[in-house]
Amino acid sequence: MDEIRDVKLLKALGARFKELREQTGMSNREFADYAGIGHAQIHRIDTGQVNVSISTLSAIVKVLGISLSDLLRDL
């Protein structure tokens, strides 16, 4: 299954998410609690290790206070 995953895109999304998350001043655990996502999953997203579901992305952008298109812009 790895051959169909765009690892470069996952890493870029992770870096973008981490940058935005850090701007909130929240730790992985704090953000995870607000978003209802496991803190280990937040770490995997930060580091581009996981293909993120639409429902997880929806929870993330709600906590960040941005749109999904803002999160994905320029990736």
PDB file of N, CA and C in Angstrom:
ATOM      1  N   MET A   1       0.817  -1.199   0.000  1.00  0.00           N
ATOM      2  CA  MET A   1       0.000   0.000   0.000  1.00  0.00           C
ATOM      3  C   MET A   1       0.859   1.261   0.000  1.00  0.00           C
ATOM      4  N   ASP A   2       2.076   1.202   0.519  1.00  0.00           N
ATOM      5  CA  ASP A   2       2.933   2.381   0.568  1.00  0.00           C
ATOM      6  C   ASP A   2       3.213   2.965  -0.809  1.00  0.00           C
ATOM      7  N   GLU A   3       3.188   2.119  -1.850  1.00  0.00           N
ATOM      8  CA  GLU A   3       3.519   2.618  -3.173  1.00  0.00           C
ATOM      9  C   GLU A   3       2.490   3.609  -3.703  1.00  0.00           C
ATOM     10  N   ILE A   4       1.266   3.622  -3.164  1.00  0.00           N
ATOM     11  CA  ILE A   4       0.276   4.590  -3.624  1.00  0.00           C
ATOM     12  C   ILE A   4       0.214   5.828  -2.733  1.00  0.00           C
ATOM     13  N   ARG A   5       0.964   5.834  -1.654  1.00  0.00           N
ATOM     14  CA  ARG A   5       0.987   6.995  -0.757  1.00  0.00           C
ATOM     15  C   ARG A   5       2.017   7.999  -1.237  1.00  0.00           C
ATOM     16  N   ASP A   6       1.664   9.245  -1.214  1.00  0.00           N
ATOM     17  CA  ASP A   6       2.575  10.314  -1.596  1.00  0.00           C
ATOM     18  C   ASP A   6       3.281  10.787  -0.326  1.00  0.00           C
ATOM     19  N   VAL A   7       4.419  10.199  -0.035  1.00  0.00           N
ATOM     20  CA  VAL A   7       5.150  10.473   1.194  1.00  0.00           C
ATOM     21  C   VAL A   7       5.552  11.944   1.275  1.00  0.00           C
ATOM     22  N   LYS A   8       5.944  12.512   0.164  1.00  0.00           N
ATOM     23  CA  LYS A   8       6.327  13.933   0.145  1.00  0.00           C
ATOM     24  C   LYS A   8       5.137  14.808   0.554  1.00  0.00           C
ATOM     25  N   LEU A   9       3.955  14.489   0.063  1.00  0.00           N
ATOM     26  CA  LEU A   9       2.753  15.239   0.419  1.00  0.00           C
ATOM     27  C   LEU A   9       2.422  15.074   1.903  1.00  0.00           C
ATOM     28  N   LEU A  10       2.527  13.852   2.420  1.00  0.00           N
ATOM     29  CA  LEU A  10       2.256  13.620   3.842  1.00  0.00           C
ATOM     30  C   LEU A  10       3.222  14.404   4.726  1.00  0.00           C
ATOM     31  N   LYS A  11       4.477  14.453   4.336  1.00  0.00           N
ATOM     32  CA  LYS A  11       5.471  15.208   5.102  1.00  0.00           C
ATOM     33  C   LYS A  11       5.183  16.707   5.038  1.00  0.00           C
ATOM     34  N   ALA A  12       4.787  17.198   3.861  1.00  0.00           N
ATOM     35  CA  ALA A  12       4.459  18.617   3.706  1.00  0.00           C
ATOM     36  C   ALA A  12       3.234  18.974   4.543  1.00  0.00           C
ATOM     37  N   LEU A  13       2.218  18.133   4.523  1.00  0.00           N
ATOM     38  CA  LEU A  13       1.030  18.364   5.338  1.00  0.00           C
ATOM     39  C   LEU A  13       1.398  18.350   6.811  1.00  0.00           C
ATOM     40  N   GLY A  14       2.224  17.397   7.210  1.00  0.00           N
ATOM     41  CA  GLY A  14       2.659  17.322   8.603  1.00  0.00           C
ATOM     42  C   GLY A  14       3.400  18.567   9.044  1.00  0.00           C
ATOM     43  N   ALA A  15       4.288  19.047   8.198  1.00  0.00           N
ATOM     44  CA  ALA A  15       5.049  20.257   8.528  1.00  0.00           C
ATOM     45  C   ALA A  15       4.133  21.470   8.637  1.00  0.00           C
ATOM     46  N   ARG A  16       3.180  21.572   7.727  1.00  0.00           N
ATOM     47  CA  ARG A  16       2.219  22.689   7.758  1.00  0.00           C
ATOM     48  C   ARG A  16       1.367  22.624   9.020  1.00  0.00           C
ATOM     49  N   PHE A  17       0.857  21.431   9.321  1.00  0.00           N
ATOM     50  CA  PHE A  17       0.052  21.259  10.522  1.00  0.00           C
ATOM     51  C   PHE A  17       0.860  21.598  11.772  1.00  0.00           C
ATOM     52  N   LYS A  18       2.079  21.094  11.858  1.00  0.00           N
ATOM     53  CA  LYS A  18       2.913  21.349  13.035  1.00  0.00           C
ATOM     54  C   LYS A  18       3.151  22.849  13.214  1.00  0.00           C
ATOM     55  N   GLU A  19       3.446  23.527  12.120  1.00  0.00           N
ATOM     56  CA  GLU A  19       3.670  24.977  12.177  1.00  0.00           C
ATOM     57  C   GLU A  19       2.427  25.693  12.727  1.00  0.00           C
ATOM     58  N   LEU A  20       1.269  25.345  12.195  1.00  0.00           N
ATOM     59  CA  LEU A  20       0.027  25.983  12.640  1.00  0.00           C
ATOM     60  C   LEU A  20      -0.316  25.604  14.080  1.00  0.00           C
ATOM     61  N   ARG A  21      -0.098  24.339  14.429  1.00  0.00           N
ATOM     62  CA  ARG A  21      -0.364  23.892  15.801  1.00  0.00           C
ATOM     63  C   ARG A  21       0.528  24.631  16.787  1.00  0.00           C
ATOM     64  N   GLU A  22       1.789  24.769  16.462  1.00  0.00           N
ATOM     65  CA  GLU A  22       2.724  25.462  17.352  1.00  0.00           C
ATOM     66  C   GLU A  22       2.352  26.932  17.507  1.00  0.00           C
ATOM     67  N   GLN A  23       1.762  27.534  16.485  1.00  0.00           N
ATOM     68  CA  GLN A  23       1.311  28.927  16.583  1.00  0.00           C
ATOM     69  C   GLN A  23       0.196  29.090  17.613  1.00  0.00           C
ATOM     70  N   THR A  24      -0.531  28.014  17.892  1.00  0.00           N
ATOM     71  CA  THR A  24      -1.590  28.066  18.908  1.00  0.00           C
ATOM     72  C   THR A  24      -1.003  28.052  20.313  1.00  0.00           C
ATOM     73  N   GLY A  25       0.252  27.625  20.432  1.00  0.00           N
ATOM     74  CA  GLY A  25       0.887  27.501  21.738  1.00  0.00           C
ATOM     75  C   GLY A  25       0.519  26.210  22.455  1.00  0.00           C
ATOM     76  N   MET A  26      -0.222  25.342  21.786  1.00  0.00           N
ATOM     77  CA  MET A  26      -0.630  24.079  22.398  1.00  0.00           C
ATOM     78  C   MET A  26       0.385  22.979  22.135  1.00  0.00           C
ATOM     79  N   SER A  27       0.569  22.147  23.136  1.00  0.00           N
ATOM     80  CA  SER A  27       1.393  20.949  22.969  1.00  0.00           C
ATOM     81  C   SER A  27       0.597  19.917  22.167  1.00  0.00           C
ATOM     82  N   ASN A  28       1.276  18.836  21.781  1.00  0.00           N
ATOM     83  CA  ASN A  28       0.579  17.734  21.111  1.00  0.00           C
ATOM     84  C   ASN A  28      -0.607  17.260  21.935  1.00  0.00           C
ATOM     85  N   ARG A  29      -0.376  17.049  23.222  1.00  0.00           N
ATOM     86  CA  ARG A  29      -1.434  16.520  24.106  1.00  0.00           C
ATOM     87  C   ARG A  29      -2.598  17.494  24.230  1.00  0.00           C
ATOM     88  N   GLU A  30      -2.295  18.767  24.408  1.00  0.00           N
ATOM     89  CA  GLU A  30      -3.364  19.762  24.529  1.00  0.00           C
ATOM     90  C   GLU A  30      -4.196  19.819  23.249  1.00  0.00           C
ATOM     91  N   PHE A  31      -3.508  19.868  22.121  1.00  0.00           N
ATOM     92  CA  PHE A  31      -4.218  19.923  20.846  1.00  0.00           C
ATOM     93  C   PHE A  31      -5.056  18.675  20.656  1.00  0.00           C
ATOM     94  N   ALA A  32      -4.483  17.529  20.958  1.00  0.00           N
ATOM     95  CA  ALA A  32      -5.198  16.264  20.827  1.00  0.00           C
ATOM     96  C   ALA A  32      -6.474  16.267  21.665  1.00  0.00           C
ATOM     97  N   ASP A  33      -6.381  16.769  22.890  1.00  0.00           N
ATOM     98  CA  ASP A  33      -7.552  16.827  23.764  1.00  0.00           C
ATOM     99  C   ASP A  33      -8.646  17.712  23.160  1.00  0.00           C
ATOM    100  N   TYR A  34      -8.283  18.875  22.671  1.00  0.00           N
ATOM    101  CA  TYR A  34      -9.262  19.787  22.070  1.00  0.00           C
ATOM    102  C   TYR A  34      -9.896  19.187  20.814  1.00  0.00           C
ATOM    103  N   ALA A  35      -9.097  18.479  20.030  1.00  0.00           N
ATOM    104  CA  ALA A  35      -9.573  17.938  18.755  1.00  0.00           C
ATOM    105  C   ALA A  35     -10.242  16.571  18.894  1.00  0.00           C
ATOM    106  N   GLY A  36     -10.055  15.929  20.051  1.00  0.00           N
ATOM    107  CA  GLY A  36     -10.606  14.593  20.216  1.00  0.00           C
ATOM    108  C   GLY A  36      -9.847  13.540  19.432  1.00  0.00           C
ATOM    109  N   ILE A  37      -8.552  13.761  19.305  1.00  0.00           N
ATOM    110  CA  ILE A  37      -7.654  12.860  18.567  1.00  0.00           C
ATOM    111  C   ILE A  37      -6.584  12.389  19.537  1.00  0.00           C
ATOM    112  N   GLY A  38      -6.145  11.156  19.411  1.00  0.00           N
ATOM    113  CA  GLY A  38      -5.075  10.657  20.272  1.00  0.00           C
ATOM    114  C   GLY A  38      -3.789  11.445  20.085  1.00  0.00           C
ATOM    115  N   HIS A  39      -3.065  11.672  21.182  1.00  0.00           N
ATOM    116  CA  HIS A  39      -1.827  12.462  21.067  1.00  0.00           C
ATOM    117  C   HIS A  39      -0.776  11.764  20.212  1.00  0.00           C
ATOM    118  N   ALA A  40      -0.770  10.438  20.212  1.00  0.00           N
ATOM    119  CA  ALA A  40       0.178   9.710  19.363  1.00  0.00           C
ATOM    120  C   ALA A  40      -0.149   9.949  17.887  1.00  0.00           C
ATOM    121  N   GLN A  41      -1.441  10.060  17.576  1.00  0.00           N
ATOM    122  CA  GLN A  41      -1.857  10.345  16.199  1.00  0.00           C
ATOM    123  C   GLN A  41      -1.410  11.748  15.786  1.00  0.00           C
ATOM    124  N   ILE A  42      -1.495  12.695  16.699  1.00  0.00           N
ATOM    125  CA  ILE A  42      -1.016  14.053  16.411  1.00  0.00           C
ATOM    126  C   ILE A  42       0.469  14.013  16.060  1.00  0.00           C
ATOM    127  N   HIS A  43       1.239  13.258  16.807  1.00  0.00           N
ATOM    128  CA  HIS A  43       2.679  13.130  16.518  1.00  0.00           C
ATOM    129  C   HIS A  43       2.885  12.517  15.128  1.00  0.00           C
ATOM    130  N   ARG A  44       2.119  11.483  14.809  1.00  0.00           N
ATOM    131  CA  ARG A  44       2.262  10.843  13.487  1.00  0.00           C
ATOM    132  C   ARG A  44       1.897  11.812  12.358  1.00  0.00           C
ATOM    133  N   ILE A  45       0.901  12.666  12.606  1.00  0.00           N
ATOM    134  CA  ILE A  45       0.533  13.660  11.598  1.00  0.00           C
ATOM    135  C   ILE A  45       1.646  14.695  11.461  1.00  0.00           C
ATOM    136  N   ASP A  46       2.143  15.201  12.595  1.00  0.00           N
ATOM    137  CA  ASP A  46       3.252  16.177  12.608  1.00  0.00           C
ATOM    138  C   ASP A  46       4.436  15.703  11.774  1.00  0.00           C
ATOM    139  N   THR A  47       4.723  14.423  11.859  1.00  0.00           N
ATOM    140  CA  THR A  47       5.918  13.873  11.221  1.00  0.00           C
ATOM    141  C   THR A  47       5.644  13.228   9.862  1.00  0.00           C
ATOM    142  N   GLY A  48       4.401  13.343   9.381  1.00  0.00           N
ATOM    143  CA  GLY A  48       4.072  12.822   8.058  1.00  0.00           C
ATOM    144  C   GLY A  48       4.073  11.320   7.960  1.00  0.00           C
ATOM    145  N   GLN A  49       3.802  10.652   9.063  1.00  0.00           N
ATOM    146  CA  GLN A  49       3.836   9.183   9.080  1.00  0.00           C
ATOM    147  C   GLN A  49       2.501   8.524   8.794  1.00  0.00           C
ATOM    148  N   VAL A  50       1.429   9.324   8.677  1.00  0.00           N
ATOM    149  CA  VAL A  50       0.100   8.743   8.562  1.00  0.00           C
ATOM    150  C   VAL A  50      -0.708   9.465   7.486  1.00  0.00           C
ATOM    151  N   ASN A  51      -1.525   8.698   6.787  1.00  0.00           N
ATOM    152  CA  ASN A  51      -2.457   9.242   5.823  1.00  0.00           C
ATOM    153  C   ASN A  51      -3.696   9.671   6.601  1.00  0.00           C
ATOM    154  N   VAL A  52      -3.965  10.943   6.667  1.00  0.00           N
ATOM    155  CA  VAL A  52      -4.975  11.512   7.550  1.00  0.00           C
ATOM    156  C   VAL A  52      -6.360  11.435   6.920  1.00  0.00           C
ATOM    157  N   SER A  53      -7.350  11.012   7.711  1.00  0.00           N
ATOM    158  CA  SER A  53      -8.722  10.933   7.211  1.00  0.00           C
ATOM    159  C   SER A  53      -9.360  12.320   7.145  1.00  0.00           C
ATOM    160  N   ILE A  54     -10.412  12.407   6.368  1.00  0.00           N
ATOM    161  CA  ILE A  54     -11.157  13.666   6.244  1.00  0.00           C
ATOM    162  C   ILE A  54     -11.742  14.074   7.594  1.00  0.00           C
ATOM    163  N   SER A  55     -12.244  13.121   8.365  1.00  0.00           N
ATOM    164  CA  SER A  55     -12.832  13.471   9.665  1.00  0.00           C
ATOM    165  C   SER A  55     -11.772  13.997  10.625  1.00  0.00           C
ATOM    166  N   THR A  56     -10.564  13.458  10.564  1.00  0.00           N
ATOM    167  CA  THR A  56      -9.473  13.962  11.400  1.00  0.00           C
ATOM    168  C   THR A  56      -9.068  15.361  10.945  1.00  0.00           C
ATOM    169  N   LEU A  57      -8.969  15.563   9.646  1.00  0.00           N
ATOM    170  CA  LEU A  57      -8.648  16.902   9.123  1.00  0.00           C
ATOM    171  C   LEU A  57      -9.714  17.904   9.538  1.00  0.00           C
ATOM    172  N   SER A  58     -10.968  17.493   9.525  1.00  0.00           N
ATOM    173  CA  SER A  58     -12.060  18.372   9.935  1.00  0.00           C
ATOM    174  C   SER A  58     -11.900  18.792  11.394  1.00  0.00           C
ATOM    175  N   ALA A  59     -11.564  17.838  12.262  1.00  0.00           N
ATOM    176  CA  ALA A  59     -11.356  18.153  13.678  1.00  0.00           C
ATOM    177  C   ALA A  59     -10.173  19.105  13.849  1.00  0.00           C
ATOM    178  N   ILE A  60      -9.122  18.882  13.087  1.00  0.00           N
ATOM    179  CA  ILE A  60      -7.915  19.712  13.172  1.00  0.00           C
ATOM    180  C   ILE A  60      -8.217  21.156  12.791  1.00  0.00           C
ATOM    181  N   VAL A  61      -8.884  21.351  11.657  1.00  0.00           N
ATOM    182  CA  VAL A  61      -9.126  22.724  11.209  1.00  0.00           C
ATOM    183  C   VAL A  61     -10.101  23.454  12.129  1.00  0.00           C
ATOM    184  N   LYS A  62     -11.002  22.727  12.745  1.00  0.00           N
ATOM    185  CA  LYS A  62     -11.919  23.365  13.706  1.00  0.00           C
ATOM    186  C   LYS A  62     -11.142  23.936  14.884  1.00  0.00           C
ATOM    187  N   VAL A  63     -10.205  23.159  15.403  1.00  0.00           N
ATOM    188  CA  VAL A  63      -9.400  23.641  16.527  1.00  0.00           C
ATOM    189  C   VAL A  63      -8.486  24.782  16.089  1.00  0.00           C
ATOM    190  N   LEU A  64      -7.938  24.686  14.896  1.00  0.00           N
ATOM    191  CA  LEU A  64      -7.058  25.746  14.393  1.00  0.00           C
ATOM    192  C   LEU A  64      -7.828  27.003  14.013  1.00  0.00           C
ATOM    193  N   GLY A  65      -9.125  26.874  13.772  1.00  0.00           N
ATOM    194  CA  GLY A  65      -9.933  28.021  13.379  1.00  0.00           C
ATOM    195  C   GLY A  65      -9.686  28.456  11.948  1.00  0.00           C
ATOM    196  N   ILE A  66      -9.369  27.487  11.093  1.00  0.00           N
ATOM    197  CA  ILE A  66      -9.118  27.772   9.677  1.00  0.00           C
ATOM    198  C   ILE A  66      -9.961  26.828   8.831  1.00  0.00           C
ATOM    199  N   SER A  67      -9.975  27.064   7.534  1.00  0.00           N
ATOM    200  CA  SER A  67     -10.682  26.167   6.625  1.00  0.00           C
ATOM    201  C   SER A  67      -9.746  25.047   6.189  1.00  0.00           C
ATOM    202  N   LEU A  68     -10.341  23.995   5.667  1.00  0.00           N
ATOM    203  CA  LEU A  68      -9.544  22.897   5.144  1.00  0.00           C
ATOM    204  C   LEU A  68      -8.678  23.372   3.976  1.00  0.00           C
ATOM    205  N   SER A  69      -9.233  24.252   3.152  1.00  0.00           N
ATOM    206  CA  SER A  69      -8.443  24.760   2.025  1.00  0.00           C
ATOM    207  C   SER A  69      -7.238  25.571   2.515  1.00  0.00           C
ATOM    208  N   ASP A  70      -7.392  26.283   3.634  1.00  0.00           N
ATOM    209  CA  ASP A  70      -6.245  27.010   4.197  1.00  0.00           C
ATOM    210  C   ASP A  70      -5.147  26.041   4.650  1.00  0.00           C
ATOM    211  N   LEU A  71      -5.549  24.941   5.250  1.00  0.00           N
ATOM    212  CA  LEU A  71      -4.568  23.943   5.696  1.00  0.00           C
ATOM    213  C   LEU A  71      -3.821  23.338   4.518  1.00  0.00           C
ATOM    214  N   LEU A  72      -4.548  23.073   3.447  1.00  0.00           N
ATOM    215  CA  LEU A  72      -3.964  22.362   2.305  1.00  0.00           C
ATOM    216  C   LEU A  72      -3.327  23.279   1.264  1.00  0.00           C
ATOM    217  N   ARG A  73      -3.495  24.579   1.442  1.00  0.00           N
ATOM    218  CA  ARG A  73      -2.971  25.544   0.462  1.00  0.00           C
ATOM    219  C   ARG A  73      -1.457  25.360   0.267  1.00  0.00           C
ATOM    220  N   ASP A  74      -1.062  25.410  -0.977  1.00  0.00           N
ATOM    221  CA  ASP A  74       0.357  25.379  -1.390  1.00  0.00           C
ATOM    222  C   ASP A  74       1.082  24.078  -1.059  1.00  0.00           C
ATOM    223  N   LEU A  75       0.339  23.002  -0.837  1.00  0.00           N
ATOM    224  CA  LEU A  75       0.999  21.729  -0.609  1.00  0.00           C
ATOM    225  C   LEU A  75       1.280  21.078  -1.950  1.00  0.00           C
TER     226      LEU A  75
END
